[in-house]
Amino acid sequence: MNYLIILFSAATMVAGVVIAISPETIFSPIRRHYESFGMHLLAVVLRIVLGIALVMCASSSKYPVAIEFIGWITLLAALVLGIMGRTQFKRLIAWALGIPNGFRRMGGLLAAFFGAFLIHAVF
């Protein structure tokens, strides 16, 4: 399970750095596909898998309380995304796509640091 978290965290770090450098590299494909059912399903399933992995691995991490908390928040996010419905999901993504590039870049840096933190916590 730790390797699953490390894989997800590494992907988050890479995506965060890419967003910080060139936001449209990530946001352009999202813009093309955000109305698809697959995008909604992927958003929910990835959060379920990551949330379960975080909760299961929390006790063996360097920060068990924080990692378990992040895992439960991730599972809650999956639940909310799952029950919010397609229309609200599309509105949420459309809102996120409207965020100015400066804030996107800051979010990308935060995502990269978050990914690094998770790797540090479970490795």
N, C-alpha and C. Protein backbone atom coordinates (compact mmCIF):
# COMPACT_ATOMS: atom_id res chain seq x y z
N MET A 1 0.81 -1.20 0.00
CA MET A 1 0.00 0.00 0.00
C MET A 1 0.86 1.26 0.00
N ASN A 2 2.01 1.19 0.71
CA ASN A 2 2.87 2.37 0.74
C ASN A 2 3.32 2.75 -0.67
N TYR A 3 3.57 1.74 -1.50
CA TYR A 3 4.01 2.03 -2.87
C TYR A 3 2.91 2.71 -3.68
N LEU A 4 1.68 2.37 -3.40
CA LEU A 4 0.55 3.03 -4.06
C LEU A 4 0.51 4.51 -3.67
N ILE A 5 0.72 4.78 -2.40
CA ILE A 5 0.75 6.17 -1.93
C ILE A 5 1.93 6.90 -2.55
N ILE A 6 3.09 6.25 -2.60
CA ILE A 6 4.27 6.88 -3.19
C ILE A 6 4.04 7.17 -4.67
N LEU A 7 3.44 6.24 -5.39
CA LEU A 7 3.14 6.45 -6.80
C LEU A 7 2.19 7.63 -7.00
N PHE A 8 1.11 7.65 -6.23
CA PHE A 8 0.16 8.76 -6.33
C PHE A 8 0.85 10.08 -5.97
N SER A 9 1.66 10.06 -4.91
CA SER A 9 2.33 11.27 -4.45
C SER A 9 3.33 11.78 -5.48
N ALA A 10 4.06 10.87 -6.10
CA ALA A 10 5.01 11.26 -7.15
C ALA A 10 4.27 11.88 -8.33
N ALA A 11 3.15 11.29 -8.71
CA ALA A 11 2.34 11.85 -9.80
C ALA A 11 1.82 13.24 -9.42
N THR A 12 1.44 13.40 -8.16
CA THR A 12 0.96 14.70 -7.68
C THR A 12 2.09 15.73 -7.73
N MET A 13 3.28 15.31 -7.34
CA MET A 13 4.43 16.23 -7.40
C MET A 13 4.72 16.65 -8.83
N VAL A 14 4.75 15.70 -9.74
CA VAL A 14 5.04 16.01 -11.15
C VAL A 14 3.96 16.93 -11.71
N ALA A 15 2.69 16.59 -11.46
CA ALA A 15 1.59 17.43 -11.96
C ALA A 15 1.68 18.83 -11.36
N GLY A 16 2.01 18.91 -10.07
CA GLY A 16 2.14 20.21 -9.43
C GLY A 16 3.23 21.07 -10.05
N VAL A 17 4.37 20.46 -10.32
CA VAL A 17 5.46 21.20 -10.95
C VAL A 17 5.07 21.64 -12.36
N VAL A 18 4.43 20.75 -13.11
CA VAL A 18 3.98 21.10 -14.46
C VAL A 18 2.99 22.26 -14.40
N ILE A 19 2.05 22.20 -13.46
CA ILE A 19 1.08 23.29 -13.32
C ILE A 19 1.80 24.59 -12.97
N ALA A 20 2.78 24.52 -12.08
CA ALA A 20 3.51 25.73 -11.69
C ALA A 20 4.25 26.35 -12.88
N ILE A 21 4.73 25.52 -13.79
CA ILE A 21 5.49 26.02 -14.94
C ILE A 21 4.57 26.38 -16.10
N SER A 22 3.63 25.50 -16.42
CA SER A 22 2.76 25.69 -17.58
C SER A 22 1.37 25.13 -17.28
N PRO A 23 0.51 25.90 -16.63
CA PRO A 23 -0.80 25.39 -16.19
C PRO A 23 -1.63 24.75 -17.29
N GLU A 24 -1.59 25.29 -18.49
CA GLU A 24 -2.44 24.76 -19.56
C GLU A 24 -2.07 23.34 -19.98
N THR A 25 -0.86 22.91 -19.68
CA THR A 25 -0.46 21.54 -20.00
C THR A 25 -1.38 20.54 -19.29
N ILE A 26 -1.78 20.86 -18.07
CA ILE A 26 -2.67 20.00 -17.30
C ILE A 26 -4.13 20.39 -17.50
N PHE A 27 -4.40 21.69 -17.50
CA PHE A 27 -5.79 22.15 -17.55
C PHE A 27 -6.44 21.99 -18.91
N SER A 28 -5.67 22.00 -19.97
CA SER A 28 -6.26 21.84 -21.31
C SER A 28 -6.92 20.48 -21.49
N PRO A 29 -6.26 19.36 -21.15
CA PRO A 29 -6.96 18.06 -21.25
C PRO A 29 -8.17 17.96 -20.33
N ILE A 30 -8.07 18.57 -19.15
CA ILE A 30 -9.22 18.55 -18.24
C ILE A 30 -10.38 19.31 -18.87
N ARG A 31 -10.08 20.45 -19.48
CA ARG A 31 -11.12 21.25 -20.15
C ARG A 31 -11.81 20.43 -21.25
N ARG A 32 -11.04 19.63 -21.97
CA ARG A 32 -11.61 18.83 -23.06
C ARG A 32 -12.50 17.70 -22.57
N HIS A 33 -12.22 17.18 -21.37
CA HIS A 33 -12.90 15.96 -20.92
C HIS A 33 -13.74 16.10 -19.66
N TYR A 34 -13.84 17.29 -19.09
CA TYR A 34 -14.49 17.40 -17.78
C TYR A 34 -15.97 17.07 -17.79
N GLU A 35 -16.60 17.11 -18.93
CA GLU A 35 -18.02 16.78 -18.98
C GLU A 35 -18.28 15.29 -19.13
N SER A 36 -17.23 14.50 -19.31
CA SER A 36 -17.41 13.07 -19.50
C SER A 36 -17.68 12.37 -18.18
N PHE A 37 -18.44 11.30 -18.25
CA PHE A 37 -18.71 10.48 -17.08
C PHE A 37 -17.42 9.87 -16.55
N GLY A 38 -16.51 9.52 -17.46
CA GLY A 38 -15.24 8.92 -17.07
C GLY A 38 -14.43 9.82 -16.15
N MET A 39 -14.44 11.11 -16.41
CA MET A 39 -13.69 12.06 -15.56
C MET A 39 -14.29 12.08 -14.15
N HIS A 40 -15.60 12.09 -14.07
CA HIS A 40 -16.27 12.08 -12.77
C HIS A 40 -15.96 10.77 -12.03
N LEU A 41 -16.08 9.66 -12.73
CA LEU A 41 -15.79 8.36 -12.13
C LEU A 41 -14.34 8.28 -11.66
N LEU A 42 -13.42 8.74 -12.50
CA LEU A 42 -12.00 8.73 -12.14
C LEU A 42 -11.74 9.56 -10.89
N ALA A 43 -12.37 10.72 -10.79
CA ALA A 43 -12.20 11.58 -9.62
C ALA A 43 -12.63 10.86 -8.34
N VAL A 44 -13.73 10.13 -8.41
CA VAL A 44 -14.24 9.43 -7.24
C VAL A 44 -13.37 8.21 -6.92
N VAL A 45 -13.09 7.39 -7.92
CA VAL A 45 -12.36 6.14 -7.69
C VAL A 45 -10.94 6.40 -7.19
N LEU A 46 -10.24 7.36 -7.76
CA LEU A 46 -8.88 7.66 -7.30
C LEU A 46 -8.89 8.11 -5.83
N ARG A 47 -9.89 8.88 -5.45
CA ARG A 47 -9.97 9.31 -4.05
C ARG A 47 -10.29 8.15 -3.12
N ILE A 48 -11.14 7.24 -3.56
CA ILE A 48 -11.44 6.07 -2.73
C ILE A 48 -10.19 5.23 -2.53
N VAL A 49 -9.49 4.94 -3.61
CA VAL A 49 -8.28 4.11 -3.53
C VAL A 49 -7.23 4.79 -2.65
N LEU A 50 -6.97 6.08 -2.89
CA LEU A 50 -5.97 6.79 -2.10
C LEU A 50 -6.40 6.88 -0.64
N GLY A 51 -7.65 7.20 -0.39
CA GLY A 51 -8.14 7.33 0.99
C GLY A 51 -7.98 6.04 1.77
N ILE A 52 -8.35 4.92 1.16
CA ILE A 52 -8.20 3.62 1.82
C ILE A 52 -6.73 3.33 2.08
N ALA A 53 -5.88 3.59 1.10
CA ALA A 53 -4.45 3.34 1.27
C ALA A 53 -3.88 4.19 2.40
N LEU A 54 -4.27 5.45 2.47
CA LEU A 54 -3.77 6.33 3.53
C LEU A 54 -4.22 5.86 4.91
N VAL A 55 -5.49 5.50 5.03
CA VAL A 55 -6.00 5.03 6.32
C VAL A 55 -5.31 3.73 6.73
N MET A 56 -5.11 2.82 5.78
CA MET A 56 -4.49 1.54 6.10
C MET A 56 -3.01 1.68 6.47
N CYS A 57 -2.33 2.63 5.87
CA CYS A 57 -0.88 2.78 6.10
C CYS A 57 -0.55 3.81 7.17
N ALA A 58 -1.54 4.47 7.69
CA ALA A 58 -1.30 5.56 8.63
C ALA A 58 -0.47 5.12 9.83
N SER A 59 -0.80 3.97 10.40
CA SER A 59 -0.12 3.55 11.63
C SER A 59 1.38 3.29 11.44
N SER A 60 1.79 2.97 10.22
CA SER A 60 3.21 2.71 9.97
C SER A 60 3.93 3.93 9.40
N SER A 61 3.24 5.06 9.32
CA SER A 61 3.85 6.27 8.77
C SER A 61 4.54 7.07 9.86
N LYS A 62 5.25 8.11 9.45
CA LYS A 62 5.93 8.98 10.40
C LYS A 62 4.96 9.89 11.14
N TYR A 63 3.80 10.13 10.55
CA TYR A 63 2.79 11.02 11.13
C TYR A 63 1.43 10.33 11.09
N PRO A 64 1.22 9.32 11.94
CA PRO A 64 0.02 8.49 11.82
C PRO A 64 -1.30 9.25 11.94
N VAL A 65 -1.37 10.19 12.85
CA VAL A 65 -2.63 10.93 13.02
C VAL A 65 -2.92 11.78 11.79
N ALA A 66 -1.91 12.48 11.30
CA ALA A 66 -2.09 13.34 10.13
C ALA A 66 -2.44 12.52 8.89
N ILE A 67 -1.75 11.42 8.68
CA ILE A 67 -2.00 10.60 7.49
C ILE A 67 -3.38 9.96 7.56
N GLU A 68 -3.77 9.49 8.73
CA GLU A 68 -5.13 8.93 8.85
C GLU A 68 -6.18 10.01 8.61
N PHE A 69 -5.96 11.20 9.15
CA PHE A 69 -6.88 12.31 8.94
C PHE A 69 -7.00 12.65 7.45
N ILE A 70 -5.87 12.74 6.77
CA ILE A 70 -5.87 13.02 5.33
C ILE A 70 -6.61 11.91 4.59
N GLY A 71 -6.41 10.67 5.01
CA GLY A 71 -7.12 9.55 4.39
C GLY A 71 -8.63 9.67 4.53
N TRP A 72 -9.09 9.99 5.74
CA TRP A 72 -10.54 10.13 5.95
C TRP A 72 -11.11 11.33 5.20
N ILE A 73 -10.36 12.42 5.14
CA ILE A 73 -10.80 13.58 4.35
C ILE A 73 -10.88 13.22 2.88
N THR A 74 -9.93 12.44 2.41
CA THR A 74 -9.94 12.00 1.01
C THR A 74 -11.15 11.13 0.73
N LEU A 75 -11.48 10.23 1.65
CA LEU A 75 -12.68 9.40 1.49
C LEU A 75 -13.95 10.24 1.54
N LEU A 76 -13.97 11.24 2.40
CA LEU A 76 -15.12 12.15 2.46
C LEU A 76 -15.27 12.91 1.14
N ALA A 77 -14.15 13.34 0.58
CA ALA A 77 -14.17 14.03 -0.72
C ALA A 77 -14.73 13.11 -1.80
N ALA A 78 -14.35 11.84 -1.77
CA ALA A 78 -14.88 10.87 -2.74
C ALA A 78 -16.39 10.73 -2.59
N LEU A 79 -16.85 10.66 -1.35
CA LEU A 79 -18.28 10.55 -1.09
C LEU A 79 -19.03 11.77 -1.61
N VAL A 80 -18.51 12.96 -1.31
CA VAL A 80 -19.15 14.19 -1.76
C VAL A 80 -19.19 14.25 -3.28
N LEU A 81 -18.06 13.96 -3.93
CA LEU A 81 -18.03 13.97 -5.39
C LEU A 81 -18.97 12.92 -5.98
N GLY A 82 -19.09 11.79 -5.28
CA GLY A 82 -19.96 10.73 -5.77
C GLY A 82 -21.43 11.06 -5.68
N ILE A 83 -21.82 11.77 -4.63
CA ILE A 83 -23.25 12.05 -4.46
C ILE A 83 -23.66 13.41 -5.01
N MET A 84 -22.71 14.24 -5.38
CA MET A 84 -23.07 15.59 -5.84
C MET A 84 -23.77 15.59 -7.20
N GLY A 85 -23.61 14.54 -7.95
CA GLY A 85 -24.27 14.48 -9.25
C GLY A 85 -23.44 15.10 -10.35
N ARG A 86 -23.79 14.74 -11.55
CA ARG A 86 -23.03 15.16 -12.73
C ARG A 86 -23.06 16.67 -12.94
N THR A 87 -24.24 17.26 -12.80
CA THR A 87 -24.37 18.70 -13.06
C THR A 87 -23.50 19.50 -12.12
N GLN A 88 -23.56 19.18 -10.83
CA GLN A 88 -22.75 19.90 -9.86
C GLN A 88 -21.26 19.64 -10.06
N PHE A 89 -20.91 18.41 -10.43
CA PHE A 89 -19.51 18.08 -10.71
C PHE A 89 -19.00 18.95 -11.86
N LYS A 90 -19.77 19.04 -12.93
CA LYS A 90 -19.37 19.86 -14.08
C LYS A 90 -19.23 21.33 -13.67
N ARG A 91 -20.13 21.82 -12.83
CA ARG A 91 -20.04 23.21 -12.37
C ARG A 91 -18.78 23.41 -11.53
N LEU A 92 -18.44 22.44 -10.68
CA LEU A 92 -17.24 22.53 -9.85
C LEU A 92 -15.99 22.59 -10.72
N ILE A 93 -15.91 21.71 -11.71
CA ILE A 93 -14.73 21.69 -12.59
C ILE A 93 -14.68 22.95 -13.44
N ALA A 94 -15.83 23.41 -13.93
CA ALA A 94 -15.85 24.65 -14.71
C ALA A 94 -15.36 25.82 -13.87
N TRP A 95 -15.75 25.85 -12.61
CA TRP A 95 -15.26 26.90 -11.71
C TRP A 95 -13.74 26.79 -11.56
N ALA A 96 -13.23 25.58 -11.33
CA ALA A 96 -11.79 25.38 -11.16
C ALA A 96 -11.02 25.77 -12.42
N LEU A 97 -11.61 25.51 -13.58
CA LEU A 97 -10.95 25.87 -14.83
C LEU A 97 -10.89 27.38 -15.03
N GLY A 98 -11.74 28.11 -14.32
CA GLY A 98 -11.76 29.57 -14.44
C GLY A 98 -10.79 30.28 -13.50
N ILE A 99 -10.09 29.54 -12.68
CA ILE A 99 -9.14 30.14 -11.74
C ILE A 99 -7.97 30.74 -12.53
N PRO A 100 -7.57 31.99 -12.21
CA PRO A 100 -6.46 32.62 -12.94
C PRO A 100 -5.14 31.84 -12.81
N ASN A 101 -4.30 31.97 -13.82
CA ASN A 101 -3.04 31.22 -13.88
C ASN A 101 -2.13 31.45 -12.67
N GLY A 102 -2.13 32.64 -12.12
CA GLY A 102 -1.28 32.91 -10.96
C GLY A 102 -1.67 32.03 -9.78
N PHE A 103 -2.97 31.88 -9.54
CA PHE A 103 -3.44 31.01 -8.47
C PHE A 103 -3.23 29.54 -8.82
N ARG A 104 -3.37 29.21 -10.09
CA ARG A 104 -3.09 27.84 -10.52
C ARG A 104 -1.65 27.47 -10.22
N ARG A 105 -0.75 28.38 -10.52
CA ARG A 105 0.68 28.12 -10.28
C ARG A 105 0.95 27.93 -8.79
N MET A 106 0.35 28.76 -7.96
CA MET A 106 0.52 28.58 -6.50
C MET A 106 -0.07 27.24 -6.06
N GLY A 107 -1.22 26.89 -6.60
CA GLY A 107 -1.82 25.59 -6.29
C GLY A 107 -0.94 24.44 -6.73
N GLY A 108 -0.29 24.61 -7.88
CA GLY A 108 0.63 23.59 -8.37
C GLY A 108 1.80 23.40 -7.42
N LEU A 109 2.35 24.49 -6.93
CA LEU A 109 3.44 24.39 -5.96
C LEU A 109 2.96 23.71 -4.67
N LEU A 110 1.78 24.07 -4.20
CA LEU A 110 1.23 23.43 -3.00
C LEU A 110 1.04 21.93 -3.24
N ALA A 111 0.56 21.57 -4.43
CA ALA A 111 0.37 20.15 -4.75
C ALA A 111 1.71 19.42 -4.74
N ALA A 112 2.73 20.04 -5.30
CA ALA A 112 4.06 19.42 -5.31
C ALA A 112 4.58 19.21 -3.89
N PHE A 113 4.41 20.21 -3.04
CA PHE A 113 4.84 20.07 -1.65
C PHE A 113 4.02 19.03 -0.90
N PHE A 114 2.72 18.96 -1.20
CA PHE A 114 1.86 17.96 -0.57
C PHE A 114 2.31 16.56 -0.96
N GLY A 115 2.59 16.36 -2.25
CA GLY A 115 3.09 15.06 -2.71
C GLY A 115 4.40 14.70 -2.04
N ALA A 116 5.29 15.68 -1.90
CA ALA A 116 6.58 15.44 -1.23
C ALA A 116 6.36 15.07 0.24
N PHE A 117 5.42 15.76 0.89
CA PHE A 117 5.12 15.45 2.28
C PHE A 117 4.62 14.01 2.43
N LEU A 118 3.71 13.60 1.55
CA LEU A 118 3.19 12.23 1.65
C LEU A 118 4.29 11.19 1.44
N ILE A 119 5.18 11.44 0.49
CA ILE A 119 6.29 10.51 0.28
C ILE A 119 7.17 10.46 1.52
N HIS A 120 7.48 11.62 2.06
CA HIS A 120 8.28 11.67 3.29
C HIS A 120 7.59 10.92 4.43
N ALA A 121 6.28 11.07 4.52
CA ALA A 121 5.54 10.48 5.64
C ALA A 121 5.47 8.95 5.57
N VAL A 122 5.41 8.39 4.38
CA VAL A 122 5.22 6.94 4.28
C VAL A 122 6.46 6.17 3.85
N PHE A 123 7.52 6.86 3.43
CA PHE A 123 8.71 6.19 2.94
C PHE A 123 9.71 5.96 4.05
